[in-house]
Amino acid sequence: MDSILEIFLGLILGAILMYWMFSMFRKKKSKELTEHQSTVLLEKIKSVCKLISVEGDFAEIYKYENTKERFLSLVSSKKKALIVINAKALIGYDLQKILMHADNDKKKIILTNFPDPEVLSIEPELEFYDIQNGLFNTFTPNDLTSLNKEARKHIMEKIPESGLMETAKREALEAVLLIEKIVETIGWKLDYSALKIEGKQKKLLDL
């Protein structure tokens, strides 16, 4: 009788031990899966990299002049041209600059800071008019590279007064919503309560 009782108790203890080991293994696997999910999710958000929110078209007239002096500055030679710059400026966000971290226990991505909009690219097209070459100073293929740089610089100086940055800031909400949709693909939630969002925009997020 005692041997049967010992066998019975041994089976119960063995079952308890197996259940405890299984629970610990399952919890560990769940934790590893959650941590893996958060890592993949953060990388997925960053892989979006750059988000264009505003496009601006510019048409500017640029007067180019270049003077070279020869023979101990006794003779000068000037080349000049009237250039029409048609450029497209793309304003948006570099999502690699956002600050966020994962709360694995609550399955949340916490967004603590969102970058300011920046100029992602400027694509100028140059049209030359009234080209005048100097006697010792003529336009060369290398001038095109130099003029493209000058055109980008010229357009860059025009962007602050164009209102594009202010428009991009107002549309930052769209970027936050995009991140929220990415987070929701694996059943997590985005916590953006640390961000300063104006009242009207906050109402849209709460819908």
Protein backbone atom coordinates (compact mmCIF):
# COMPACT_ATOMS: atom_id res chain seq x y z
CA MET A 1 0.00 0.00 0.00
CA ASP A 2 2.83 2.37 0.93
CA SER A 3 4.59 1.65 -2.38
CA ILE A 4 1.42 2.52 -4.32
CA LEU A 5 1.10 5.79 -2.36
CA GLU A 6 4.76 6.62 -3.06
CA ILE A 7 4.26 5.95 -6.77
CA PHE A 8 1.12 8.11 -6.78
CA LEU A 9 2.88 10.98 -4.98
CA GLY A 10 5.86 10.61 -7.32
CA LEU A 11 3.56 10.93 -10.31
CA ILE A 12 1.92 14.05 -8.86
CA LEU A 13 5.27 15.68 -8.06
CA GLY A 14 6.57 14.73 -11.50
CA ALA A 15 3.52 16.25 -13.16
CA ILE A 16 3.89 19.46 -11.09
CA LEU A 17 7.58 19.64 -11.99
CA MET A 18 6.85 19.10 -15.70
CA TYR A 19 4.09 21.74 -15.66
CA TRP A 20 6.41 24.23 -13.91
CA MET A 21 9.20 23.59 -16.43
CA PHE A 22 6.74 23.90 -19.33
CA SER A 23 5.37 27.18 -17.94
CA MET A 24 8.86 28.62 -17.50
CA PHE A 25 9.82 27.57 -21.04
CA ARG A 26 6.61 29.03 -22.50
CA LYS A 27 7.11 32.32 -20.61
CA LYS A 28 10.70 32.53 -21.82
CA LYS A 29 9.65 31.85 -25.41
CA SER A 30 6.87 34.43 -25.13
CA LYS A 31 9.30 37.02 -23.78
CA GLU A 32 11.79 36.27 -26.57
CA LEU A 33 9.01 36.55 -29.17
CA THR A 34 7.81 39.87 -27.73
CA GLU A 35 11.33 41.29 -27.65
CA HIS A 36 11.88 40.07 -31.21
CA GLN A 37 8.60 41.68 -32.29
CA SER A 38 9.58 45.04 -30.79
CA THR A 39 13.03 44.96 -32.40
CA VAL A 40 11.61 44.09 -35.82
CA LEU A 41 8.91 46.75 -35.43
CA LEU A 42 11.37 49.53 -34.56
CA GLU A 43 13.53 48.57 -37.51
CA LYS A 44 10.47 48.46 -39.76
CA ILE A 45 9.52 52.02 -38.77
CA LYS A 46 13.07 53.24 -39.33
CA SER A 47 13.26 51.45 -42.68
CA VAL A 48 10.55 53.80 -43.97
CA CYS A 49 13.42 56.25 -43.56
CA LYS A 50 12.29 59.41 -45.29
CA LEU A 51 8.69 60.52 -45.57
CA ILE A 52 7.87 63.27 -48.08
CA SER A 53 4.99 65.39 -46.86
CA VAL A 54 5.20 68.55 -49.00
CA GLU A 55 6.30 69.30 -52.55
CA GLY A 56 7.14 72.80 -53.72
CA ASP A 57 7.72 74.05 -57.26
CA PHE A 58 9.96 77.05 -57.86
CA ALA A 59 10.55 79.13 -60.96
CA GLU A 60 13.34 81.64 -60.47
CA ILE A 61 15.37 83.86 -62.78
CA TYR A 62 19.05 83.85 -61.87
CA LYS A 63 21.62 86.21 -63.35
CA TYR A 64 25.05 84.57 -63.57
CA GLU A 65 28.27 86.50 -64.10
CA ASN A 66 31.88 85.39 -63.86
CA THR A 67 34.93 87.57 -64.45
CA LYS A 68 38.51 86.41 -64.91
CA GLU A 69 41.53 88.65 -65.02
CA ARG A 70 44.57 88.03 -67.19
CA PHE A 71 47.98 89.58 -67.82
CA LEU A 72 48.62 90.79 -64.26
CA SER A 73 45.00 91.96 -63.93
CA LEU A 74 45.41 94.33 -66.85
CA VAL A 75 42.73 92.57 -68.91
CA SER A 76 39.44 91.20 -67.60
CA SER A 77 37.09 88.84 -69.40
CA LYS A 78 33.47 88.33 -68.38
CA LYS A 79 31.02 85.59 -69.22
CA LYS A 80 27.37 85.84 -68.26
CA ALA A 81 24.00 84.28 -68.81
CA LEU A 82 20.40 84.61 -67.77
CA ILE A 83 19.26 81.34 -66.23
CA VAL A 84 15.69 80.22 -65.53
CA ILE A 85 15.65 77.75 -62.65
CA ASN A 86 12.69 75.37 -62.53
CA ALA A 87 13.09 73.34 -59.36
CA LYS A 88 11.13 70.87 -57.27
CA ALA A 89 11.82 70.91 -53.53
CA LEU A 90 10.76 67.93 -51.41
CA ILE A 91 10.12 68.64 -47.73
CA GLY A 92 9.56 65.87 -45.22
CA TYR A 93 10.88 63.88 -42.29
CA ASP A 94 13.88 61.65 -41.75
CA LEU A 95 12.27 58.93 -39.62
CA GLN A 96 15.69 57.67 -38.53
CA LYS A 97 15.85 60.75 -36.30
CA ILE A 98 12.72 59.98 -34.27
CA LEU A 99 13.15 58.97 -30.64
CA MET A 100 11.14 55.94 -29.55
CA HIS A 101 11.42 52.79 -27.48
CA ALA A 102 9.43 49.63 -26.88
CA ASP A 103 7.51 48.67 -23.75
CA ASN A 104 7.51 44.88 -24.21
CA ASP A 105 5.25 44.15 -21.24
CA LYS A 106 2.45 46.43 -22.48
CA LYS A 107 3.21 45.85 -26.16
CA LYS A 108 3.53 49.56 -26.83
CA ILE A 109 5.89 51.70 -28.90
CA ILE A 110 6.45 54.96 -27.06
CA LEU A 111 7.17 57.94 -29.31
CA THR A 112 9.00 60.58 -27.27
CA ASN A 113 10.21 62.99 -29.95
CA PHE A 114 9.44 63.70 -33.58
CA PRO A 115 11.98 65.48 -35.82
CA ASP A 116 11.43 68.85 -37.45
CA PRO A 117 10.76 68.87 -41.21
CA GLU A 118 13.77 69.26 -43.45
CA VAL A 119 14.64 69.62 -47.12
CA LEU A 120 15.01 66.07 -48.43
CA SER A 121 15.98 67.01 -51.97
CA ILE A 122 16.07 69.82 -54.51
CA GLU A 123 15.86 68.89 -58.19
CA PRO A 124 16.71 71.89 -60.39
CA GLU A 125 16.39 72.16 -64.16
CA LEU A 126 18.32 74.99 -65.79
CA GLU A 127 17.42 76.84 -68.96
CA PHE A 128 20.04 79.24 -70.35
CA TYR A 129 19.22 82.49 -72.11
CA ASP A 130 21.33 85.37 -73.39
CA ILE A 131 24.62 83.49 -73.06
CA GLN A 132 27.62 85.76 -73.54
CA ASN A 133 31.17 84.38 -73.53
CA GLY A 134 34.20 86.50 -72.78
CA LEU A 135 37.31 86.57 -74.95
CA PHE A 136 39.35 84.54 -72.44
CA ASN A 137 36.45 83.27 -70.36
CA THR A 138 33.93 80.91 -72.01
CA PHE A 139 31.34 78.48 -70.66
CA THR A 140 32.62 74.90 -70.24
CA PRO A 141 30.94 71.57 -69.32
CA ASN A 142 32.26 71.98 -65.78
CA ASP A 143 30.21 75.14 -65.43
CA LEU A 144 27.00 73.07 -65.49
CA THR A 145 28.02 71.25 -62.29
CA SER A 146 28.92 74.52 -60.65
CA LEU A 147 25.68 76.19 -61.75
CA ASN A 148 23.58 73.28 -60.48
CA LYS A 149 25.16 73.79 -57.05
CA GLU A 150 24.46 77.52 -57.27
CA ALA A 151 20.85 76.79 -58.27
CA ARG A 152 20.31 74.45 -55.31
CA LYS A 153 21.78 77.05 -52.98
CA HIS A 154 19.55 79.75 -54.48
CA ILE A 155 16.40 77.63 -54.05
CA MET A 156 17.45 76.64 -50.53
CA GLU A 157 17.55 80.31 -49.59
CA LYS A 158 14.02 80.76 -50.96
CA ILE A 159 12.45 77.87 -49.00
CA PRO A 160 12.14 79.60 -45.57
CA GLU A 161 9.98 82.38 -47.04
CA SER A 162 7.88 79.97 -49.12
CA GLY A 163 5.84 78.59 -46.18
CA LEU A 164 6.68 74.98 -47.08
CA MET A 165 8.20 74.24 -43.67
CA GLU A 166 5.10 75.49 -41.85
CA THR A 167 2.89 73.34 -44.09
CA ALA A 168 5.06 70.30 -43.39
CA LYS A 169 4.82 70.90 -39.63
CA ARG A 170 1.03 70.95 -39.87
CA GLU A 171 1.11 67.68 -41.77
CA ALA A 172 3.31 65.93 -39.20
CA LEU A 173 0.08 64.31 -38.03
CA GLU A 174 0.08 62.18 -41.19
CA ALA A 175 3.52 60.84 -40.31
CA VAL A 176 2.38 59.92 -36.79
CA LEU A 177 -0.66 58.12 -38.21
CA LEU A 178 1.59 56.19 -40.62
CA ILE A 179 3.74 54.98 -37.73
CA GLU A 180 0.58 54.05 -35.80
CA LYS A 181 -0.62 51.90 -38.72
CA ILE A 182 2.76 50.14 -38.91
CA VAL A 183 2.65 49.42 -35.16
CA GLU A 184 -0.88 48.04 -35.38
CA THR A 185 0.15 45.45 -37.99
CA ILE A 186 1.44 43.17 -35.20
CA GLY A 187 -1.20 44.07 -32.62
CA TRP A 188 0.83 46.68 -30.72
CA LYS A 189 -0.15 50.23 -29.82
CA LEU A 190 1.57 53.56 -30.36
CA ASP A 191 1.87 55.91 -27.39
CA TYR A 192 2.47 59.47 -28.62
CA SER A 193 1.27 61.23 -25.47
CA ALA A 194 4.74 62.75 -24.96
CA LEU A 195 4.44 64.73 -28.20
CA LYS A 196 3.08 68.26 -28.24
CA ILE A 197 0.07 68.07 -30.53
CA GLU A 198 -2.29 71.00 -31.00
CA GLY A 199 -5.91 70.63 -29.99
CA LYS A 200 -7.41 70.37 -33.46
CA GLN A 201 -4.89 67.71 -34.52
CA LYS A 202 -5.38 65.78 -31.27
CA LYS A 203 -9.12 65.53 -31.97
CA LEU A 204 -8.34 63.98 -35.36
CA LEU A 205 -6.03 61.42 -33.73
CA ASP A 206 -8.72 60.47 -31.23
CA LEU A 207 -11.30 59.72 -33.95
